Amino acid sequence: MAGGILGGIIGAVLPGVLPSITDTAKILVDRLVPDPAARAQAQKELEEVISAREAAVMQAISEQNAAQNAVNLAEAQGNDRFSSRWRPAAAWVCVAGFAYQFVFAPIMTWAAAIIGTAAGIAFPVPPTLSTGDLMPVLLGLLGLGAQRSYERVNGVPGAIPGGPQTPGRR
């Protein structure tokens, strides 16, 4: 279990610095078992144990993905407005924030300056929004939309409504 997955993660993060757990276990078997026949048997058993654990981890991940897909399907088929409309609601908040910040606030400032000058009154400047807080949300929403468009253009199964579906996917 840990040999391939954790060793692969460590090996990807620190290439050449730390060997994988599988490699370390094989080195230990080579150094600790002097008899060649016993060493070959120990390495065979080690590989079987590691393979069995990796298969168990992959099976557990597969079961977890299947369970998550079932939850996603149930949520998608549900009629709950909160869970099915959170993404469009977040997009509309971003649109309203950007419309205010880049259209309405400058027009209100300009109009207030003209009216204030003509009437001799000083109007307060309208508040501004921190677009730095809106940008990550908007870019995340647009990035997901662009990824979906990329899938549709490249004909990924399940990306086109009414098109071919991947088994296990909605």
N, C-alpha and C. Protein backbone atom coordinates (compact mmCIF):
# COMPACT_ATOMS: atom_id res chain seq x y z
N MET A 1 0.83 -1.18 0.00
CA MET A 1 0.00 0.00 0.00
C MET A 1 0.88 1.24 0.00
N ALA A 2 1.69 1.37 1.00
CA ALA A 2 2.47 2.59 1.14
C ALA A 2 3.65 2.63 0.18
N GLY A 3 4.11 1.48 -0.23
CA GLY A 3 5.29 1.44 -1.07
C GLY A 3 5.11 2.18 -2.37
N GLY A 4 4.09 1.85 -3.11
CA GLY A 4 3.91 2.47 -4.42
C GLY A 4 3.34 3.86 -4.33
N ILE A 5 2.30 4.05 -3.51
CA ILE A 5 1.62 5.34 -3.47
C ILE A 5 2.47 6.39 -2.75
N LEU A 6 2.83 6.12 -1.50
CA LEU A 6 3.62 7.10 -0.76
C LEU A 6 5.01 7.26 -1.36
N GLY A 7 5.59 6.15 -1.79
CA GLY A 7 6.90 6.23 -2.43
C GLY A 7 6.83 7.04 -3.71
N GLY A 8 5.74 6.87 -4.45
CA GLY A 8 5.57 7.65 -5.67
C GLY A 8 5.40 9.12 -5.38
N ILE A 9 4.65 9.44 -4.32
CA ILE A 9 4.45 10.84 -3.95
C ILE A 9 5.78 11.45 -3.50
N ILE A 10 6.46 10.74 -2.61
CA ILE A 10 7.75 11.25 -2.13
C ILE A 10 8.74 11.35 -3.29
N GLY A 11 8.74 10.33 -4.15
CA GLY A 11 9.64 10.35 -5.29
C GLY A 11 9.33 11.47 -6.25
N ALA A 12 8.04 11.84 -6.39
CA ALA A 12 7.68 12.94 -7.28
C ALA A 12 8.04 14.28 -6.67
N VAL A 13 7.89 14.39 -5.34
CA VAL A 13 8.18 15.65 -4.67
C VAL A 13 9.69 15.86 -4.54
N LEU A 14 10.39 14.82 -4.17
CA LEU A 14 11.83 14.91 -3.96
C LEU A 14 12.56 13.93 -4.87
N PRO A 15 12.58 14.16 -6.18
CA PRO A 15 13.20 13.20 -7.08
C PRO A 15 14.70 13.08 -6.80
N GLY A 16 15.13 11.86 -6.68
CA GLY A 16 16.54 11.60 -6.47
C GLY A 16 17.01 11.79 -5.04
N VAL A 17 16.17 12.36 -4.17
CA VAL A 17 16.59 12.61 -2.80
C VAL A 17 16.23 11.43 -1.91
N LEU A 18 14.98 10.99 -1.98
CA LEU A 18 14.52 9.88 -1.18
C LEU A 18 14.04 8.75 -2.08
N PRO A 19 14.51 7.52 -1.82
CA PRO A 19 14.01 6.40 -2.61
C PRO A 19 12.59 6.05 -2.16
N SER A 20 11.86 5.33 -3.01
CA SER A 20 10.53 4.92 -2.63
C SER A 20 10.61 3.88 -1.51
N ILE A 21 9.51 3.69 -0.81
CA ILE A 21 9.48 2.72 0.28
C ILE A 21 9.71 1.31 -0.26
N THR A 22 9.23 1.04 -1.47
CA THR A 22 9.44 -0.27 -2.08
C THR A 22 10.92 -0.50 -2.31
N ASP A 23 11.60 0.50 -2.85
CA ASP A 23 13.04 0.36 -3.09
C ASP A 23 13.79 0.17 -1.77
N THR A 24 13.39 0.90 -0.74
CA THR A 24 14.03 0.76 0.57
C THR A 24 13.82 -0.64 1.13
N ALA A 25 12.61 -1.17 1.00
CA ALA A 25 12.33 -2.52 1.50
C ALA A 25 13.16 -3.56 0.75
N LYS A 26 13.30 -3.39 -0.55
CA LYS A 26 14.11 -4.33 -1.33
C LYS A 26 15.58 -4.26 -0.94
N ILE A 27 16.08 -3.08 -0.68
CA ILE A 27 17.47 -2.92 -0.23
C ILE A 27 17.66 -3.60 1.12
N LEU A 28 16.69 -3.41 2.02
CA LEU A 28 16.79 -4.06 3.33
C LEU A 28 16.78 -5.57 3.21
N VAL A 29 15.94 -6.11 2.34
CA VAL A 29 15.92 -7.57 2.13
C VAL A 29 17.25 -8.02 1.58
N ASP A 30 17.81 -7.28 0.62
CA ASP A 30 19.12 -7.65 0.05
C ASP A 30 20.21 -7.67 1.11
N ARG A 31 20.18 -6.72 2.03
CA ARG A 31 21.25 -6.61 3.03
C ARG A 31 21.04 -7.51 4.24
N LEU A 32 19.78 -7.79 4.59
CA LEU A 32 19.53 -8.55 5.81
C LEU A 32 19.38 -10.05 5.59
N VAL A 33 19.11 -10.47 4.36
CA VAL A 33 18.93 -11.91 4.10
C VAL A 33 20.12 -12.38 3.27
N PRO A 34 21.05 -13.12 3.92
CA PRO A 34 22.28 -13.51 3.22
C PRO A 34 22.08 -14.64 2.20
N ASP A 35 21.19 -15.57 2.47
CA ASP A 35 20.99 -16.73 1.59
C ASP A 35 20.27 -16.28 0.31
N PRO A 36 20.83 -16.56 -0.90
CA PRO A 36 20.20 -16.12 -2.15
C PRO A 36 18.79 -16.69 -2.35
N ALA A 37 18.57 -17.94 -1.99
CA ALA A 37 17.24 -18.54 -2.16
C ALA A 37 16.24 -17.89 -1.21
N ALA A 38 16.66 -17.69 0.03
CA ALA A 38 15.77 -17.05 1.01
C ALA A 38 15.53 -15.59 0.62
N ARG A 39 16.57 -14.93 0.07
CA ARG A 39 16.43 -13.54 -0.36
C ARG A 39 15.41 -13.44 -1.50
N ALA A 40 15.50 -14.35 -2.47
CA ALA A 40 14.55 -14.34 -3.59
C ALA A 40 13.13 -14.58 -3.09
N GLN A 41 12.99 -15.51 -2.15
CA GLN A 41 11.66 -15.79 -1.58
C GLN A 41 11.13 -14.57 -0.81
N ALA A 42 12.01 -13.93 -0.03
CA ALA A 42 11.60 -12.76 0.75
C ALA A 42 11.19 -11.61 -0.18
N GLN A 43 11.94 -11.41 -1.28
CA GLN A 43 11.58 -10.35 -2.22
C GLN A 43 10.26 -10.65 -2.92
N LYS A 44 10.05 -11.92 -3.22
CA LYS A 44 8.79 -12.32 -3.85
C LYS A 44 7.62 -12.05 -2.91
N GLU A 45 7.78 -12.44 -1.63
CA GLU A 45 6.73 -12.19 -0.65
C GLU A 45 6.50 -10.68 -0.45
N LEU A 46 7.59 -9.92 -0.44
CA LEU A 46 7.49 -8.47 -0.28
C LEU A 46 6.70 -7.86 -1.44
N GLU A 47 7.00 -8.28 -2.67
CA GLU A 47 6.29 -7.77 -3.83
C GLU A 47 4.82 -8.17 -3.80
N GLU A 48 4.53 -9.39 -3.34
CA GLU A 48 3.14 -9.82 -3.23
C GLU A 48 2.37 -8.98 -2.22
N VAL A 49 3.01 -8.72 -1.07
CA VAL A 49 2.36 -7.92 -0.03
C VAL A 49 2.12 -6.50 -0.54
N ILE A 50 3.12 -5.92 -1.18
CA ILE A 50 2.98 -4.56 -1.69
C ILE A 50 1.90 -4.52 -2.77
N SER A 51 1.90 -5.50 -3.67
CA SER A 51 0.87 -5.54 -4.72
C SER A 51 -0.52 -5.70 -4.13
N ALA A 52 -0.65 -6.56 -3.12
CA ALA A 52 -1.96 -6.76 -2.49
C ALA A 52 -2.43 -5.49 -1.80
N ARG A 53 -1.53 -4.80 -1.14
CA ARG A 53 -1.93 -3.56 -0.46
C ARG A 53 -2.27 -2.47 -1.46
N GLU A 54 -1.51 -2.36 -2.53
CA GLU A 54 -1.83 -1.36 -3.55
C GLU A 54 -3.18 -1.67 -4.20
N ALA A 55 -3.46 -2.95 -4.43
CA ALA A 55 -4.75 -3.34 -5.00
C ALA A 55 -5.88 -2.99 -4.02
N ALA A 56 -5.65 -3.20 -2.73
CA ALA A 56 -6.66 -2.85 -1.73
C ALA A 56 -6.90 -1.35 -1.69
N VAL A 57 -5.83 -0.57 -1.80
CA VAL A 57 -5.99 0.88 -1.81
C VAL A 57 -6.74 1.32 -3.05
N MET A 58 -6.39 0.76 -4.19
CA MET A 58 -7.08 1.12 -5.43
C MET A 58 -8.56 0.72 -5.37
N GLN A 59 -8.86 -0.41 -4.77
CA GLN A 59 -10.24 -0.84 -4.61
C GLN A 59 -11.00 0.12 -3.68
N ALA A 60 -10.35 0.53 -2.59
CA ALA A 60 -10.98 1.47 -1.67
C ALA A 60 -11.23 2.82 -2.35
N ILE A 61 -10.26 3.27 -3.14
CA ILE A 61 -10.43 4.54 -3.86
C ILE A 61 -11.56 4.41 -4.87
N SER A 62 -11.62 3.28 -5.55
CA SER A 62 -12.69 3.05 -6.52
C SER A 62 -14.06 3.06 -5.85
N GLU A 63 -14.17 2.41 -4.70
CA GLU A 63 -15.43 2.39 -3.96
C GLU A 63 -15.81 3.80 -3.48
N GLN A 64 -14.80 4.54 -3.03
CA GLN A 64 -15.06 5.90 -2.57
C GLN A 64 -15.53 6.77 -3.74
N ASN A 65 -14.91 6.63 -4.90
CA ASN A 65 -15.33 7.39 -6.08
C ASN A 65 -16.75 7.02 -6.50
N ALA A 66 -17.07 5.73 -6.43
CA ALA A 66 -18.42 5.30 -6.78
C ALA A 66 -19.45 5.89 -5.82
N ALA A 67 -19.12 5.91 -4.54
CA ALA A 67 -20.03 6.49 -3.55
C ALA A 67 -20.19 8.00 -3.79
N GLN A 68 -19.10 8.69 -4.10
CA GLN A 68 -19.18 10.12 -4.37
C GLN A 68 -19.99 10.39 -5.63
N ASN A 69 -19.82 9.54 -6.66
CA ASN A 69 -20.62 9.70 -7.87
C ASN A 69 -22.10 9.52 -7.59
N ALA A 70 -22.44 8.58 -6.70
CA ALA A 70 -23.84 8.38 -6.34
C ALA A 70 -24.40 9.62 -5.63
N VAL A 71 -23.60 10.21 -4.74
CA VAL A 71 -24.02 11.43 -4.04
C VAL A 71 -24.18 12.57 -5.05
N ASN A 72 -23.22 12.72 -5.96
CA ASN A 72 -23.31 13.78 -6.97
C ASN A 72 -24.55 13.61 -7.84
N LEU A 73 -24.84 12.38 -8.23
CA LEU A 73 -26.01 12.12 -9.06
C LEU A 73 -27.30 12.45 -8.30
N ALA A 74 -27.36 12.06 -7.03
CA ALA A 74 -28.55 12.35 -6.23
C ALA A 74 -28.74 13.86 -6.06
N GLU A 75 -27.64 14.60 -5.85
CA GLU A 75 -27.74 16.05 -5.73
C GLU A 75 -28.16 16.69 -7.05
N ALA A 76 -27.62 16.20 -8.15
CA ALA A 76 -27.94 16.76 -9.46
C ALA A 76 -29.40 16.51 -9.83
N GLN A 77 -29.96 15.38 -9.40
CA GLN A 77 -31.34 15.07 -9.71
C GLN A 77 -32.32 15.68 -8.72
N GLY A 78 -31.79 16.17 -7.61
CA GLY A 78 -32.66 16.75 -6.60
C GLY A 78 -33.24 18.08 -7.05
N ASN A 79 -34.23 18.53 -6.32
CA ASN A 79 -34.90 19.77 -6.65
C ASN A 79 -34.55 20.86 -5.64
N ASP A 80 -33.47 20.69 -4.91
CA ASP A 80 -33.05 21.64 -3.90
C ASP A 80 -32.40 22.84 -4.59
N ARG A 81 -33.02 23.99 -4.50
CA ARG A 81 -32.51 25.17 -5.19
C ARG A 81 -31.17 25.62 -4.63
N PHE A 82 -30.92 25.40 -3.36
CA PHE A 82 -29.66 25.85 -2.77
C PHE A 82 -28.48 25.09 -3.35
N SER A 83 -28.56 23.77 -3.40
CA SER A 83 -27.41 23.00 -3.87
C SER A 83 -27.27 23.02 -5.39
N SER A 84 -28.36 23.20 -6.11
CA SER A 84 -28.27 23.17 -7.57
C SER A 84 -27.99 24.55 -8.16
N ARG A 85 -28.11 25.58 -7.38
CA ARG A 85 -27.94 26.92 -7.94
C ARG A 85 -26.84 27.74 -7.27
N TRP A 86 -25.97 27.11 -6.53
CA TRP A 86 -24.93 27.88 -5.85
C TRP A 86 -23.93 28.47 -6.83
N ARG A 87 -23.61 27.75 -7.90
CA ARG A 87 -22.62 28.25 -8.86
C ARG A 87 -23.16 29.45 -9.62
N PRO A 88 -24.37 29.38 -10.16
CA PRO A 88 -24.90 30.58 -10.82
C PRO A 88 -25.07 31.75 -9.85
N ALA A 89 -25.43 31.47 -8.61
CA ALA A 89 -25.58 32.55 -7.64
C ALA A 89 -24.23 33.23 -7.39
N ALA A 90 -23.17 32.44 -7.27
CA ALA A 90 -21.84 33.02 -7.08
C ALA A 90 -21.43 33.83 -8.30
N ALA A 91 -21.78 33.36 -9.49
CA ALA A 91 -21.47 34.09 -10.71
C ALA A 91 -22.22 35.42 -10.75
N TRP A 92 -23.50 35.43 -10.35
CA TRP A 92 -24.27 36.67 -10.36
C TRP A 92 -23.74 37.66 -9.33
N VAL A 93 -23.26 37.17 -8.20
CA VAL A 93 -22.66 38.07 -7.22
C VAL A 93 -21.42 38.73 -7.82
N CYS A 94 -20.61 37.94 -8.53
CA CYS A 94 -19.43 38.50 -9.19
C CYS A 94 -19.82 39.51 -10.26
N VAL A 95 -20.82 39.19 -11.06
CA VAL A 95 -21.28 40.10 -12.11
C VAL A 95 -21.79 41.39 -11.49
N ALA A 96 -22.59 41.30 -10.44
CA ALA A 96 -23.11 42.51 -9.79
C ALA A 96 -21.98 43.34 -9.20
N GLY A 97 -21.00 42.67 -8.58
CA GLY A 97 -19.87 43.40 -8.01
C GLY A 97 -19.05 44.12 -9.06
N PHE A 98 -18.77 43.44 -10.16
CA PHE A 98 -18.01 44.08 -11.23
C PHE A 98 -18.82 45.17 -11.92
N ALA A 99 -20.12 44.97 -12.10
CA ALA A 99 -20.96 46.00 -12.71
C ALA A 99 -20.97 47.25 -11.84
N TYR A 100 -21.09 47.06 -10.54
CA TYR A 100 -21.07 48.21 -9.64
C TYR A 100 -19.71 48.90 -9.70
N GLN A 101 -18.64 48.12 -9.55
CA GLN A 101 -17.29 48.69 -9.44
C GLN A 101 -16.85 49.40 -10.71
N PHE A 102 -17.16 48.84 -11.87
CA PHE A 102 -16.61 49.37 -13.11
C PHE A 102 -17.61 50.15 -13.97
N VAL A 103 -18.91 50.10 -13.63
CA VAL A 103 -19.89 50.84 -14.42
C VAL A 103 -20.63 51.85 -13.54
N PHE A 104 -21.35 51.36 -12.53
CA PHE A 104 -22.21 52.24 -11.75
C PHE A 104 -21.44 53.21 -10.86
N ALA A 105 -20.42 52.77 -10.15
CA ALA A 105 -19.67 53.67 -9.26
C ALA A 105 -19.01 54.80 -10.03
N PRO A 106 -18.33 54.55 -11.17
CA PRO A 106 -17.75 55.68 -11.91
C PRO A 106 -18.82 56.65 -12.45
N ILE A 107 -19.95 56.11 -12.92
CA ILE A 107 -21.01 56.99 -13.42
C ILE A 107 -21.60 57.81 -12.28
N MET A 108 -21.81 57.18 -11.11
CA MET A 108 -22.34 57.92 -9.95
C MET A 108 -21.34 59.00 -9.51
N THR A 109 -20.06 58.69 -9.52
CA THR A 109 -19.05 59.67 -9.13
C THR A 109 -19.05 60.85 -10.10
N TRP A 110 -19.09 60.55 -11.38
CA TRP A 110 -19.10 61.60 -12.41
C TRP A 110 -20.36 62.46 -12.28
N ALA A 111 -21.53 61.81 -12.15
CA ALA A 111 -22.79 62.56 -12.04
C ALA A 111 -22.80 63.40 -10.76
N ALA A 112 -22.32 62.85 -9.67
CA ALA A 112 -22.29 63.60 -8.41
C ALA A 112 -21.37 64.79 -8.52
N ALA A 113 -20.27 64.65 -9.24
CA ALA A 113 -19.34 65.77 -9.42
C ALA A 113 -19.98 66.88 -10.24
N ILE A 114 -20.71 66.51 -11.29
CA ILE A 114 -21.37 67.52 -12.13
C ILE A 114 -22.47 68.23 -11.34
N ILE A 115 -23.32 67.45 -10.69
CA ILE A 115 -24.42 68.04 -9.92
C ILE A 115 -23.89 68.84 -8.75
N GLY A 116 -22.86 68.31 -8.08
CA GLY A 116 -22.27 69.03 -6.94
C GLY A 116 -21.66 70.35 -7.34
N THR A 117 -20.99 70.37 -8.50
CA THR A 117 -20.39 71.62 -8.99
C THR A 117 -21.48 72.64 -9.35
N ALA A 118 -22.52 72.17 -10.01
CA ALA A 118 -23.61 73.08 -10.42
C ALA A 118 -24.38 73.60 -9.22
N ALA A 119 -24.58 72.75 -8.21
CA ALA A 119 -25.38 73.14 -7.05
C ALA A 119 -24.54 73.65 -5.89
N GLY A 120 -23.23 73.50 -5.99
CA GLY A 120 -22.36 73.95 -4.91
C GLY A 120 -22.38 73.01 -3.71
N ILE A 121 -22.66 71.74 -3.96
CA ILE A 121 -22.73 70.76 -2.88
C ILE A 121 -21.64 69.71 -3.12
N ALA A 122 -21.04 69.25 -2.05
CA ALA A 122 -20.03 68.19 -2.15
C ALA A 122 -20.68 66.87 -1.77
N PHE A 123 -20.80 65.97 -2.75
CA PHE A 123 -21.35 64.64 -2.50
C PHE A 123 -20.23 63.69 -2.08
N PRO A 124 -20.54 62.77 -1.18
CA PRO A 124 -19.50 61.80 -0.81
C PRO A 124 -19.24 60.83 -1.98
N VAL A 125 -18.03 60.36 -2.03
CA VAL A 125 -17.64 59.41 -3.08
C VAL A 125 -18.28 58.05 -2.74
N PRO A 126 -18.86 57.37 -3.74
CA PRO A 126 -19.45 56.06 -3.45
C PRO A 126 -18.37 55.06 -3.04
N PRO A 127 -18.74 54.10 -2.21
CA PRO A 127 -17.73 53.13 -1.76
C PRO A 127 -17.26 52.26 -2.92
N THR A 128 -16.06 51.76 -2.77
CA THR A 128 -15.51 50.87 -3.79
C THR A 128 -15.45 49.44 -3.24
N LEU A 129 -15.46 48.50 -4.15
CA LEU A 129 -15.36 47.09 -3.77
C LEU A 129 -13.95 46.60 -4.01
N SER A 130 -13.55 45.64 -3.24
CA SER A 130 -12.25 45.03 -3.45
C SER A 130 -12.39 43.95 -4.52
N THR A 131 -12.02 44.31 -5.74
CA THR A 131 -12.15 43.33 -6.82
C THR A 131 -11.14 42.19 -6.65
N GLY A 132 -10.13 42.40 -5.85
CA GLY A 132 -9.17 41.33 -5.57
C GLY A 132 -9.83 40.15 -4.85
N ASP A 133 -10.91 40.43 -4.13
CA ASP A 133 -11.64 39.34 -3.48
C ASP A 133 -12.58 38.62 -4.45
N LEU A 134 -13.07 39.34 -5.45
CA LEU A 134 -13.99 38.75 -6.42
C LEU A 134 -13.25 37.97 -7.52
N MET A 135 -12.05 38.38 -7.85
CA MET A 135 -11.33 37.77 -8.97
C MET A 135 -11.10 36.27 -8.80
N PRO A 136 -10.65 35.77 -7.64
CA PRO A 136 -10.45 34.32 -7.54
C PRO A 136 -11.75 33.53 -7.75
N VAL A 137 -12.86 34.07 -7.25
CA VAL A 137 -14.14 33.38 -7.44
C VAL A 137 -14.52 33.38 -8.91
N LEU A 138 -14.43 34.55 -9.55
CA LEU A 138 -14.79 34.66 -10.96
C LEU A 138 -13.88 33.82 -11.84
N LEU A 139 -12.58 33.89 -11.58
CA LEU A 139 -11.65 33.11 -12.40
C LEU A 139 -11.86 31.61 -12.20
N GLY A 140 -12.21 31.21 -10.99
CA GLY A 140 -12.53 29.80 -10.77
C GLY A 140 -13.76 29.37 -11.54
N LEU A 141 -14.78 30.22 -11.52
CA LEU A 141 -15.99 29.89 -12.27
C LEU A 141 -15.73 29.88 -13.77
N LEU A 142 -14.99 30.84 -14.25
CA LEU A 142 -14.69 30.90 -15.68
C LEU A 142 -13.73 29.79 -16.09
N GLY A 143 -12.81 29.45 -15.19
CA GLY A 143 -11.87 28.38 -15.51
C GLY A 143 -12.58 27.05 -15.66
N LEU A 144 -13.54 26.79 -14.79
CA LEU A 144 -14.31 25.56 -14.91
C LEU A 144 -15.13 25.57 -16.19
N GLY A 145 -15.67 26.72 -16.55
CA GLY A 145 -16.42 26.83 -17.80
C GLY A 145 -15.52 26.60 -19.00
N ALA A 146 -14.31 27.14 -18.97
CA ALA A 146 -13.37 26.95 -20.08
C ALA A 146 -12.95 25.49 -20.19
N GLN A 147 -12.77 24.83 -19.05
CA GLN A 147 -12.40 23.42 -19.08
C GLN A 147 -13.54 22.60 -19.68
N ARG A 148 -14.75 22.93 -19.34
CA ARG A 148 -15.91 22.22 -19.89
C ARG A 148 -16.01 22.45 -21.40
N SER A 149 -15.75 23.67 -21.85
CA SER A 149 -15.75 23.96 -23.28
C SER A 149 -14.66 23.17 -23.99
N TYR A 150 -13.51 23.08 -23.36
CA TYR A 150 -12.40 22.30 -23.93
C TYR A 150 -12.82 20.84 -24.09
N GLU A 151 -13.49 20.30 -23.08
CA GLU A 151 -13.96 18.91 -23.16
C GLU A 151 -14.95 18.75 -24.30
N ARG A 152 -15.85 19.69 -24.46
CA ARG A 152 -16.86 19.58 -25.52
C ARG A 152 -16.22 19.66 -26.90
N VAL A 153 -15.27 20.57 -27.06
CA VAL A 153 -14.61 20.72 -28.36
C VAL A 153 -13.83 19.46 -28.72
N ASN A 154 -13.20 18.85 -27.74
CA ASN A 154 -12.38 17.67 -27.99
C ASN A 154 -13.16 16.37 -27.94
N GLY A 155 -14.47 16.44 -27.75
CA GLY A 155 -15.32 15.26 -27.81
C GLY A 155 -15.12 14.28 -26.66
N VAL A 156 -14.87 14.78 -25.47
CA VAL A 156 -14.75 13.91 -24.31
C VAL A 156 -16.11 13.28 -24.05
N PRO A 157 -16.18 11.94 -23.87
CA PRO A 157 -17.47 11.30 -23.62
C PRO A 157 -18.17 11.90 -22.41
N GLY A 158 -19.43 12.20 -22.56
CA GLY A 158 -20.23 12.76 -21.47
C GLY A 158 -20.20 14.27 -21.42
N ALA A 159 -19.38 14.92 -22.26
CA ALA A 159 -19.28 16.38 -22.22
C ALA A 159 -20.38 17.05 -23.03
N ILE A 160 -20.94 16.35 -24.00
CA ILE A 160 -21.97 16.93 -24.85
C ILE A 160 -23.32 16.38 -24.44
N PRO A 161 -24.29 17.25 -24.08
CA PRO A 161 -25.61 16.76 -23.68
C PRO A 161 -26.23 15.93 -24.80
N GLY A 162 -26.70 14.75 -24.45
CA GLY A 162 -27.32 13.86 -25.42
C GLY A 162 -26.30 13.07 -26.22
N GLY A 163 -25.02 13.32 -25.99
CA GLY A 163 -23.97 12.61 -26.71
C GLY A 163 -23.61 11.32 -26.00
N PRO A 164 -22.54 10.67 -26.45
CA PRO A 164 -22.13 9.41 -25.82
C PRO A 164 -21.74 9.65 -24.37
N GLN A 165 -22.12 8.73 -23.52
CA GLN A 165 -21.86 8.84 -22.10
C GLN A 165 -20.81 7.83 -21.67
N THR A 166 -20.01 8.21 -20.70
CA THR A 166 -19.06 7.29 -20.11
C THR A 166 -19.80 6.45 -19.08
N PRO A 167 -19.57 5.13 -19.03
CA PRO A 167 -20.24 4.31 -18.01
C PRO A 167 -19.94 4.82 -16.61
N GLY A 168 -20.96 4.87 -15.79
CA GLY A 168 -20.79 5.31 -14.41
C GLY A 168 -20.87 6.82 -14.24
N ARG A 169 -21.00 7.54 -15.34
CA ARG A 169 -21.11 9.00 -15.26
C ARG A 169 -22.48 9.42 -15.72
N ARG A 170 -22.91 10.52 -15.23
CA ARG A 170 -24.19 11.07 -15.61
C ARG A 170 -24.04 11.92 -16.81
